[in-house]
Amino acid sequence: MQLINYMEEAVKRTLEELLLDPAYKKNDFNEKIKLDILAYTLNHLPPRYIVTEKGHLFTRVDELKQQFRTDILVELSKAIERIKANPR
């Protein structure tokens, strides 16, 4: 068994989906920028730690709720705008 922050998996997956959107595709996000976006977003969302497969399934069901996805999208959007405005 291992300890996993499920929120990290969900945010990574959502960022990859978001970057396929034509509105974001025009931006050239390299790996460093993506990591900055992920870090900013994860620092503004509550962690969801899981250990067991049952916990993973329970959290996946929770992810299907609209509010869970909306919270991630809102924070990702904020992060993208913040990182674009202040690149390292």
Protein backbone atom coordinates (compact mmCIF):
# COMPACT_ATOMS: atom_id res chain seq x y z
CA MET A 1 0.00 0.00 0.00
CA GLN A 2 1.01 3.56 -0.53
CA LEU A 3 -0.31 6.95 0.45
CA ILE A 4 -1.66 8.92 -2.51
CA ASN A 5 -2.98 12.46 -2.75
CA TYR A 6 -5.89 11.78 -5.08
CA MET A 7 -6.39 15.52 -5.62
CA GLU A 8 -3.00 15.59 -7.38
CA GLU A 9 -4.11 12.90 -9.83
CA ALA A 10 -7.41 14.68 -10.48
CA VAL A 11 -5.73 18.07 -11.03
CA LYS A 12 -3.12 16.60 -13.41
CA ARG A 13 -5.80 14.84 -15.43
CA THR A 14 -7.99 17.96 -15.57
CA LEU A 15 -5.05 20.16 -16.62
CA GLU A 16 -4.23 17.84 -19.51
CA GLU A 17 -7.89 17.92 -20.61
CA LEU A 18 -7.98 21.70 -20.28
CA LEU A 19 -4.84 22.17 -22.36
CA LEU A 20 -6.55 20.33 -25.24
CA ASP A 21 -9.14 23.12 -25.37
CA PRO A 22 -8.49 25.47 -28.32
CA ALA A 23 -8.56 28.48 -25.98
CA TYR A 24 -5.51 27.14 -24.13
CA LYS A 25 -3.86 25.22 -26.96
CA LYS A 26 -2.43 28.41 -28.44
CA ASN A 27 -0.27 28.84 -25.33
CA ASP A 28 3.00 27.01 -25.26
CA PHE A 29 3.10 25.49 -21.79
CA ASN A 30 6.40 23.73 -21.19
CA GLU A 31 6.90 21.25 -18.34
CA LYS A 32 8.18 23.90 -15.93
CA ILE A 33 5.09 26.06 -16.47
CA LYS A 34 2.79 23.03 -16.11
CA LEU A 35 4.46 22.15 -12.81
CA ASP A 36 4.06 25.74 -11.59
CA ILE A 37 0.37 25.60 -12.52
CA LEU A 38 -0.06 22.26 -10.73
CA ALA A 39 1.75 23.51 -7.61
CA TYR A 40 -0.30 26.70 -7.44
CA THR A 41 -3.56 24.80 -7.93
CA LEU A 42 -2.76 22.08 -5.39
CA ASN A 43 -1.81 24.71 -2.81
CA HIS A 44 -5.30 26.17 -3.16
CA LEU A 45 -7.29 22.93 -2.97
CA PRO A 46 -7.75 20.56 -0.04
CA PRO A 47 -5.76 17.31 -0.28
CA ARG A 48 -7.62 14.00 -0.64
CA TYR A 49 -5.36 11.28 0.70
CA ILE A 50 -6.19 7.65 0.03
CA VAL A 51 -4.49 4.38 0.89
CA THR A 52 -6.82 1.56 -0.13
CA GLU A 53 -8.50 0.61 -3.39
CA LYS A 54 -11.85 1.14 -1.66
CA GLY A 55 -10.76 4.69 -0.82
CA HIS A 56 -9.73 5.19 -4.44
CA LEU A 57 -13.14 4.09 -5.68
CA PHE A 58 -14.93 6.26 -3.12
CA THR A 59 -12.90 9.28 -4.17
CA ARG A 60 -13.53 8.56 -7.88
CA VAL A 61 -17.26 8.63 -7.17
CA ASP A 62 -16.79 11.93 -5.36
CA GLU A 63 -14.95 13.29 -8.41
CA LEU A 64 -18.06 12.75 -10.49
CA LYS A 65 -19.83 15.40 -8.46
CA GLN A 66 -20.01 18.67 -10.37
CA GLN A 67 -18.69 20.79 -7.49
CA PHE A 68 -15.46 18.74 -7.23
CA ARG A 69 -14.66 19.31 -10.91
CA THR A 70 -15.75 22.95 -10.76
CA ASP A 71 -13.43 23.65 -7.83
CA ILE A 72 -10.51 22.16 -9.75
CA LEU A 73 -11.32 24.10 -12.94
CA VAL A 74 -11.66 27.39 -11.05
CA GLU A 75 -8.29 26.97 -9.33
CA LEU A 76 -6.59 25.80 -12.53
CA SER A 77 -7.91 28.85 -14.38
CA LYS A 78 -6.62 31.15 -11.64
CA ALA A 79 -3.26 29.40 -11.70
CA ILE A 80 -2.92 29.66 -15.49
CA GLU A 81 -3.70 33.37 -15.44
CA ARG A 82 -1.33 33.97 -12.52
CA ILE A 83 1.56 32.01 -14.07
CA LYS A 84 1.06 33.63 -17.49
CA ALA A 85 1.11 37.10 -15.90
CA ASN A 86 4.18 36.33 -13.77
CA PRO A 87 6.37 33.74 -15.48
CA ARG A 88 9.60 32.70 -13.75
